[in-house]
Amino acid sequence: MFEKHPNFRKRYPRGSFWSGYEHHQSTGLRDLRASESYILEQQKHHNIKIVDDTQKKMSVAEQDTAYSERAAE
């Protein structure tokens, strides 16, 4: 490829298209159960603590009890 297209060397100075240290694969090509298992076991697999930072549902505010109708009179 580099012989056929000399300008490729500018974009890939190391002469390779692959990083050599990282790999990503779509879960669509893998077994669904294996993907699901990996997702559910990430905490154990990577030995990390997962922080639950999902947004909680906001509740409707209760009536303000600090304000009384008598104070308005």
PDB file of N, CA and C in Angstrom:
ATOM      1  N   MET A   1       0.826  -1.184   0.000  1.00  0.00           N
ATOM      2  CA  MET A   1       0.000   0.000   0.000  1.00  0.00           C
ATOM      3  C   MET A   1       0.875   1.253   0.000  1.00  0.00           C
ATOM      4  N   PHE A   2       1.928   1.251   0.814  1.00  0.00           N
ATOM      5  CA  PHE A   2       2.796   2.425   0.919  1.00  0.00           C
ATOM      6  C   PHE A   2       3.615   2.638  -0.357  1.00  0.00           C
ATOM      7  N   GLU A   3       3.933   1.546  -1.051  1.00  0.00           N
ATOM      8  CA  GLU A   3       4.653   1.673  -2.318  1.00  0.00           C
ATOM      9  C   GLU A   3       3.746   2.236  -3.406  1.00  0.00           C
ATOM     10  N   LYS A   4       2.490   1.809  -3.381  1.00  0.00           N
ATOM     11  CA  LYS A   4       1.531   2.256  -4.381  1.00  0.00           C
ATOM     12  C   LYS A   4       1.105   3.704  -4.160  1.00  0.00           C
ATOM     13  N   HIS A   5       1.006   4.106  -2.899  1.00  0.00           N
ATOM     14  CA  HIS A   5       0.543   5.449  -2.532  1.00  0.00           C
ATOM     15  C   HIS A   5       1.543   6.084  -1.564  1.00  0.00           C
ATOM     16  N   PRO A   6       2.587   6.728  -2.069  1.00  0.00           N
ATOM     17  CA  PRO A   6       3.651   7.283  -1.234  1.00  0.00           C
ATOM     18  C   PRO A   6       3.175   8.293  -0.184  1.00  0.00           C
ATOM     19  N   ASN A   7       2.103   9.009  -0.448  1.00  0.00           N
ATOM     20  CA  ASN A   7       1.623  10.000   0.520  1.00  0.00           C
ATOM     21  C   ASN A   7       1.002   9.372   1.772  1.00  0.00           C
ATOM     22  N   PHE A   8       0.732   8.076   1.711  1.00  0.00           N
ATOM     23  CA  PHE A   8       0.216   7.396   2.905  1.00  0.00           C
ATOM     24  C   PHE A   8       1.230   7.463   4.042  1.00  0.00           C
ATOM     25  N   ARG A   9       2.497   7.514   3.694  1.00  0.00           N
ATOM     26  CA  ARG A   9       3.559   7.557   4.706  1.00  0.00           C
ATOM     27  C   ARG A   9       3.405   8.790   5.588  1.00  0.00           C
ATOM     28  N   LYS A  10       2.894   9.887   5.030  1.00  0.00           N
ATOM     29  CA  LYS A  10       2.683  11.102   5.823  1.00  0.00           C
ATOM     30  C   LYS A  10       1.602  10.887   6.876  1.00  0.00           C
ATOM     31  N   ARG A  11       0.578  10.158   6.488  1.00  0.00           N
ATOM     32  CA  ARG A  11      -0.527   9.919   7.415  1.00  0.00           C
ATOM     33  C   ARG A  11      -0.206   8.804   8.405  1.00  0.00           C
ATOM     34  N   TYR A  12       0.559   7.825   7.966  1.00  0.00           N
ATOM     35  CA  TYR A  12       0.928   6.683   8.807  1.00  0.00           C
ATOM     36  C   TYR A  12       2.447   6.561   8.842  1.00  0.00           C
ATOM     37  N   PRO A  13       3.130   7.430   9.577  1.00  0.00           N
ATOM     38  CA  PRO A  13       4.600   7.449   9.558  1.00  0.00           C
ATOM     39  C   PRO A  13       5.249   6.172  10.081  1.00  0.00           C
ATOM     40  N   ARG A  14       4.557   5.414  10.886  1.00  0.00           N
ATOM     41  CA  ARG A  14       5.139   4.168  11.416  1.00  0.00           C
ATOM     42  C   ARG A  14       4.982   3.004  10.449  1.00  0.00           C
ATOM     43  N   GLY A  15       4.274   3.238   9.350  1.00  0.00           N
ATOM     44  CA  GLY A  15       4.115   2.187   8.350  1.00  0.00           C
ATOM     45  C   GLY A  15       3.077   1.149   8.711  1.00  0.00           C
ATOM     46  N   SER A  16       2.128   1.514   9.555  1.00  0.00           N
ATOM     47  CA  SER A  16       1.108   0.567   9.973  1.00  0.00           C
ATOM     48  C   SER A  16      -0.230   1.275  10.139  1.00  0.00           C
ATOM     49  N   PHE A  17      -1.309   0.544   9.874  1.00  0.00           N
ATOM     50  CA  PHE A  17      -2.651   1.094  10.055  1.00  0.00           C
ATOM     51  C   PHE A  17      -3.193   0.810  11.458  1.00  0.00           C
ATOM     52  N   TRP A  18      -2.581  -0.084  12.182  1.00  0.00           N
ATOM     53  CA  TRP A  18      -3.099  -0.527  13.482  1.00  0.00           C
ATOM     54  C   TRP A  18      -2.277   0.050  14.617  1.00  0.00           C
ATOM     55  N   SER A  19      -2.947   0.328  15.716  1.00  0.00           N
ATOM     56  CA  SER A  19      -2.265   0.906  16.869  1.00  0.00           C
ATOM     57  C   SER A  19      -1.432  -0.132  17.606  1.00  0.00           C
ATOM     58  N   GLY A  20      -1.876  -1.377  17.603  1.00  0.00           N
ATOM     59  CA  GLY A  20      -1.116  -2.427  18.264  1.00  0.00           C
ATOM     60  C   GLY A  20      -1.422  -2.598  19.736  1.00  0.00           C
ATOM     61  N   TYR A  21      -2.199  -1.707  20.332  1.00  0.00           N
ATOM     62  CA  TYR A  21      -2.458  -1.836  21.763  1.00  0.00           C
ATOM     63  C   TYR A  21      -3.932  -1.773  22.125  1.00  0.00           C
ATOM     64  N   GLU A  22      -4.783  -1.470  21.206  1.00  0.00           N
ATOM     65  CA  GLU A  22      -6.185  -1.305  21.556  1.00  0.00           C
ATOM     66  C   GLU A  22      -7.064  -1.948  20.495  1.00  0.00           C
ATOM     67  N   HIS A  23      -8.141  -2.572  20.942  1.00  0.00           N
ATOM     68  CA  HIS A  23      -9.039  -3.240  20.010  1.00  0.00           C
ATOM     69  C   HIS A  23     -10.481  -2.988  20.434  1.00  0.00           C
ATOM     70  N   HIS A  24     -11.322  -2.611  19.489  1.00  0.00           N
ATOM     71  CA  HIS A  24     -12.743  -2.406  19.750  1.00  0.00           C
ATOM     72  C   HIS A  24     -13.520  -3.236  18.745  1.00  0.00           C
ATOM     73  N   GLN A  25     -14.554  -3.883  19.221  1.00  0.00           N
ATOM     74  CA  GLN A  25     -15.357  -4.704  18.328  1.00  0.00           C
ATOM     75  C   GLN A  25     -16.826  -4.453  18.618  1.00  0.00           C
ATOM     76  N   SER A  26     -17.613  -4.362  17.598  1.00  0.00           N
ATOM     77  CA  SER A  26     -19.045  -4.158  17.755  1.00  0.00           C
ATOM     78  C   SER A  26     -19.658  -5.377  18.422  1.00  0.00           C
ATOM     79  N   THR A  27     -20.595  -5.145  19.323  1.00  0.00           N
ATOM     80  CA  THR A  27     -21.255  -6.282  19.964  1.00  0.00           C
ATOM     81  C   THR A  27     -22.190  -6.987  18.998  1.00  0.00           C
ATOM     82  N   GLY A  28     -22.523  -6.349  17.899  1.00  0.00           N
ATOM     83  CA  GLY A  28     -23.388  -6.980  16.909  1.00  0.00           C
ATOM     84  C   GLY A  28     -22.751  -8.204  16.278  1.00  0.00           C
ATOM     85  N   LEU A  29     -21.441  -8.257  16.258  1.00  0.00           N
ATOM     86  CA  LEU A  29     -20.734  -9.387  15.666  1.00  0.00           C
ATOM     87  C   LEU A  29     -20.439 -10.490  16.675  1.00  0.00           C
ATOM     88  N   ARG A  30     -20.647 -10.196  17.923  1.00  0.00           N
ATOM     89  CA  ARG A  30     -20.341 -11.174  18.960  1.00  0.00           C
ATOM     90  C   ARG A  30     -21.606 -11.865  19.432  1.00  0.00           C
ATOM     91  N   ASP A  31     -21.426 -12.900  20.190  1.00  0.00           N
ATOM     92  CA  ASP A  31     -22.544 -13.606  20.796  1.00  0.00           C
ATOM     93  C   ASP A  31     -23.238 -12.679  21.793  1.00  0.00           C
ATOM     94  N   LEU A  32     -24.546 -12.552  21.706  1.00  0.00           N
ATOM     95  CA  LEU A  32     -25.302 -11.636  22.552  1.00  0.00           C
ATOM     96  C   LEU A  32     -25.121 -11.957  24.031  1.00  0.00           C
ATOM     97  N   ARG A  33     -25.139 -13.224  24.380  1.00  0.00           N
ATOM     98  CA  ARG A  33     -24.985 -13.603  25.799  1.00  0.00           C
ATOM     99  C   ARG A  33     -23.603 -13.238  26.331  1.00  0.00           C
ATOM    100  N   ALA A  34     -22.584 -13.420  25.517  1.00  0.00           N
ATOM    101  CA  ALA A  34     -21.225 -13.066  25.939  1.00  0.00           C
ATOM    102  C   ALA A  34     -21.122 -11.567  26.159  1.00  0.00           C
ATOM    103  N   SER A  35     -21.729 -10.787  25.277  1.00  0.00           N
ATOM    104  CA  SER A  35     -21.707  -9.327  25.413  1.00  0.00           C
ATOM    105  C   SER A  35     -22.457  -8.891  26.656  1.00  0.00           C
ATOM    106  N   GLU A  36     -23.623  -9.474  26.875  1.00  0.00           N
ATOM    107  CA  GLU A  36     -24.427  -9.132  28.049  1.00  0.00           C
ATOM    108  C   GLU A  36     -23.678  -9.492  29.329  1.00  0.00           C
ATOM    109  N   SER A  37     -23.053 -10.646  29.348  1.00  0.00           N
ATOM    110  CA  SER A  37     -22.285 -11.081  30.509  1.00  0.00           C
ATOM    111  C   SER A  37     -21.136 -10.122  30.787  1.00  0.00           C
ATOM    112  N   TYR A  38     -20.431  -9.705  29.739  1.00  0.00           N
ATOM    113  CA  TYR A  38     -19.321  -8.769  29.912  1.00  0.00           C
ATOM    114  C   TYR A  38     -19.803  -7.447  30.503  1.00  0.00           C
ATOM    115  N   ILE A  39     -20.900  -6.939  29.978  1.00  0.00           N
ATOM    116  CA  ILE A  39     -21.433  -5.668  30.469  1.00  0.00           C
ATOM    117  C   ILE A  39     -21.819  -5.778  31.941  1.00  0.00           C
ATOM    118  N   LEU A  40     -22.475  -6.864  32.303  1.00  0.00           N
ATOM    119  CA  LEU A  40     -22.920  -7.037  33.686  1.00  0.00           C
ATOM    120  C   LEU A  40     -21.763  -7.314  34.637  1.00  0.00           C
ATOM    121  N   GLU A  41     -20.659  -7.856  34.125  1.00  0.00           N
ATOM    122  CA  GLU A  41     -19.524  -8.223  34.968  1.00  0.00           C
ATOM    123  C   GLU A  41     -18.356  -7.238  34.887  1.00  0.00           C
ATOM    124  N   GLN A  42     -18.553  -6.054  34.310  1.00  0.00           N
ATOM    125  CA  GLN A  42     -17.455  -5.101  34.157  1.00  0.00           C
ATOM    126  C   GLN A  42     -16.812  -4.737  35.483  1.00  0.00           C
ATOM    127  N   GLN A  43     -17.627  -4.538  36.494  1.00  0.00           N
ATOM    128  CA  GLN A  43     -17.095  -4.150  37.799  1.00  0.00           C
ATOM    129  C   GLN A  43     -16.106  -5.200  38.297  1.00  0.00           C
ATOM    130  N   LYS A  44     -16.483  -6.457  38.206  1.00  0.00           N
ATOM    131  CA  LYS A  44     -15.613  -7.545  38.655  1.00  0.00           C
ATOM    132  C   LYS A  44     -14.415  -7.708  37.707  1.00  0.00           C
ATOM    133  N   HIS A  45     -14.678  -7.666  36.412  1.00  0.00           N
ATOM    134  CA  HIS A  45     -13.641  -7.889  35.404  1.00  0.00           C
ATOM    135  C   HIS A  45     -12.520  -6.850  35.492  1.00  0.00           C
ATOM    136  N   HIS A  46     -12.875  -5.582  35.668  1.00  0.00           N
ATOM    137  CA  HIS A  46     -11.887  -4.507  35.694  1.00  0.00           C
ATOM    138  C   HIS A  46     -11.472  -4.113  37.107  1.00  0.00           C
ATOM    139  N   ASN A  47     -12.051  -4.782  38.115  1.00  0.00           N
ATOM    140  CA  ASN A  47     -11.738  -4.503  39.518  1.00  0.00           C
ATOM    141  C   ASN A  47     -11.921  -3.011  39.834  1.00  0.00           C
ATOM    142  N   ILE A  48     -13.113  -2.514  39.509  1.00  0.00           N
ATOM    143  CA  ILE A  48     -13.425  -1.107  39.739  1.00  0.00           C
ATOM    144  C   ILE A  48     -14.738  -0.974  40.490  1.00  0.00           C
ATOM    145  N   LYS A  49     -14.960   0.204  41.047  1.00  0.00           N
ATOM    146  CA  LYS A  49     -16.229   0.503  41.697  1.00  0.00           C
ATOM    147  C   LYS A  49     -17.040   1.371  40.744  1.00  0.00           C
ATOM    148  N   ILE A  50     -18.249   0.935  40.440  1.00  0.00           N
ATOM    149  CA  ILE A  50     -19.108   1.686  39.537  1.00  0.00           C
ATOM    150  C   ILE A  50     -19.946   2.658  40.354  1.00  0.00           C
ATOM    151  N   VAL A  51     -19.901   3.910  39.964  1.00  0.00           N
ATOM    152  CA  VAL A  51     -20.647   4.958  40.653  1.00  0.00           C
ATOM    153  C   VAL A  51     -22.015   5.084  39.998  1.00  0.00           C
ATOM    154  N   ASP A  52     -23.063   4.973  40.801  1.00  0.00           N
ATOM    155  CA  ASP A  52     -24.419   5.125  40.277  1.00  0.00           C
ATOM    156  C   ASP A  52     -24.733   6.607  40.206  1.00  0.00           C
ATOM    157  N   ASP A  53     -24.553   7.177  39.030  1.00  0.00           N
ATOM    158  CA  ASP A  53     -24.798   8.608  38.876  1.00  0.00           C
ATOM    159  C   ASP A  53     -25.977   8.871  37.938  1.00  0.00           C
ATOM    160  N   THR A  54     -26.891   7.907  37.894  1.00  0.00           N
ATOM    161  CA  THR A  54     -28.068   8.109  37.058  1.00  0.00           C
ATOM    162  C   THR A  54     -28.959   9.175  37.671  1.00  0.00           C
ATOM    163  N   GLN A  55     -29.610   9.914  36.819  1.00  0.00           N
ATOM    164  CA  GLN A  55     -30.473  10.989  37.302  1.00  0.00           C
ATOM    165  C   GLN A  55     -31.714  10.387  37.934  1.00  0.00           C
ATOM    166  N   LYS A  56     -32.020  10.852  39.111  1.00  0.00           N
ATOM    167  CA  LYS A  56     -33.204  10.385  39.819  1.00  0.00           C
ATOM    168  C   LYS A  56     -34.410  11.190  39.361  1.00  0.00           C
ATOM    169  N   LYS A  57     -35.588  10.586  39.441  1.00  0.00           N
ATOM    170  CA  LYS A  57     -36.807  11.277  39.052  1.00  0.00           C
ATOM    171  C   LYS A  57     -37.117  12.339  40.102  1.00  0.00           C
ATOM    172  N   MET A  58     -37.394  13.519  39.633  1.00  0.00           N
ATOM    173  CA  MET A  58     -37.719  14.617  40.538  1.00  0.00           C
ATOM    174  C   MET A  58     -39.157  14.450  41.014  1.00  0.00           C
ATOM    175  N   SER A  59     -39.366  14.635  42.302  1.00  0.00           N
ATOM    176  CA  SER A  59     -40.723  14.532  42.827  1.00  0.00           C
ATOM    177  C   SER A  59     -41.394  15.900  42.780  1.00  0.00           C
ATOM    178  N   VAL A  60     -42.701  15.880  42.809  1.00  0.00           N
ATOM    179  CA  VAL A  60     -43.466  17.121  42.800  1.00  0.00           C
ATOM    180  C   VAL A  60     -43.316  17.771  44.165  1.00  0.00           C
ATOM    181  N   ALA A  61     -43.069  19.062  44.172  1.00  0.00           N
ATOM    182  CA  ALA A  61     -42.874  19.784  45.430  1.00  0.00           C
ATOM    183  C   ALA A  61     -44.147  19.747  46.265  1.00  0.00           C
ATOM    184  N   GLU A  62     -43.951  19.589  47.554  1.00  0.00           N
ATOM    185  CA  GLU A  62     -45.094  19.613  48.468  1.00  0.00           C
ATOM    186  C   GLU A  62     -45.480  21.059  48.737  1.00  0.00           C
ATOM    187  N   GLN A  63     -46.666  21.243  49.281  1.00  0.00           N
ATOM    188  CA  GLN A  63     -47.132  22.584  49.605  1.00  0.00           C
ATOM    189  C   GLN A  63     -46.193  23.200  50.630  1.00  0.00           C
ATOM    190  N   ASP A  64     -45.877  24.457  50.447  1.00  0.00           N
ATOM    191  CA  ASP A  64     -44.983  25.167  51.354  1.00  0.00           C
ATOM    192  C   ASP A  64     -45.686  25.372  52.686  1.00  0.00           C
ATOM    193  N   THR A  65     -45.187  24.716  53.722  1.00  0.00           N
ATOM    194  CA  THR A  65     -45.823  24.818  55.042  1.00  0.00           C
ATOM    195  C   THR A  65     -45.322  26.022  55.821  1.00  0.00           C
ATOM    196  N   ALA A  66     -44.286  26.686  55.335  1.00  0.00           N
ATOM    197  CA  ALA A  66     -43.768  27.861  56.037  1.00  0.00           C
ATOM    198  C   ALA A  66     -44.674  29.067  55.823  1.00  0.00           C
ATOM    199  N   TYR A  67     -45.476  29.024  54.813  1.00  0.00           N
ATOM    200  CA  TYR A  67     -46.365  30.141  54.493  1.00  0.00           C
ATOM    201  C   TYR A  67     -47.772  29.773  54.932  1.00  0.00           C
ATOM    202  N   SER A  68     -48.360  30.580  55.747  1.00  0.00           N
ATOM    203  CA  SER A  68     -49.733  30.300  56.164  1.00  0.00           C
ATOM    204  C   SER A  68     -50.663  31.337  55.565  1.00  0.00           C
ATOM    205  N   GLU A  69     -51.906  30.959  55.429  1.00  0.00           N
ATOM    206  CA  GLU A  69     -52.892  31.880  54.863  1.00  0.00           C
ATOM    207  C   GLU A  69     -53.147  33.049  55.806  1.00  0.00           C
ATOM    208  N   ARG A  70     -52.969  32.836  57.111  1.00  0.00           N
ATOM    209  CA  ARG A  70     -53.210  33.907  58.086  1.00  0.00           C
ATOM    210  C   ARG A  70     -52.189  35.024  57.924  1.00  0.00           C
ATOM    211  N   ALA A  71     -50.961  34.688  57.536  1.00  0.00           N
ATOM    212  CA  ALA A  71     -49.919  35.700  57.404  1.00  0.00           C
ATOM    213  C   ALA A  71     -50.251  36.674  56.283  1.00  0.00           C
ATOM    214  N   ALA A  72     -51.051  36.244  55.347  1.00  0.00           N
ATOM    215  CA  ALA A  72     -51.407  37.097  54.221  1.00  0.00           C
ATOM    216  C   ALA A  72     -52.456  38.142  54.605  1.00  0.00           C
ATOM    217  N   GLU A  73     -53.160  37.923  55.716  1.00  0.00           N
ATOM    218  CA  GLU A  73     -54.231  38.851  56.114  1.00  0.00           C
ATOM    219  C   GLU A  73     -53.728  40.123  56.697  1.00  0.00           C
TER     220      GLU A  73
END
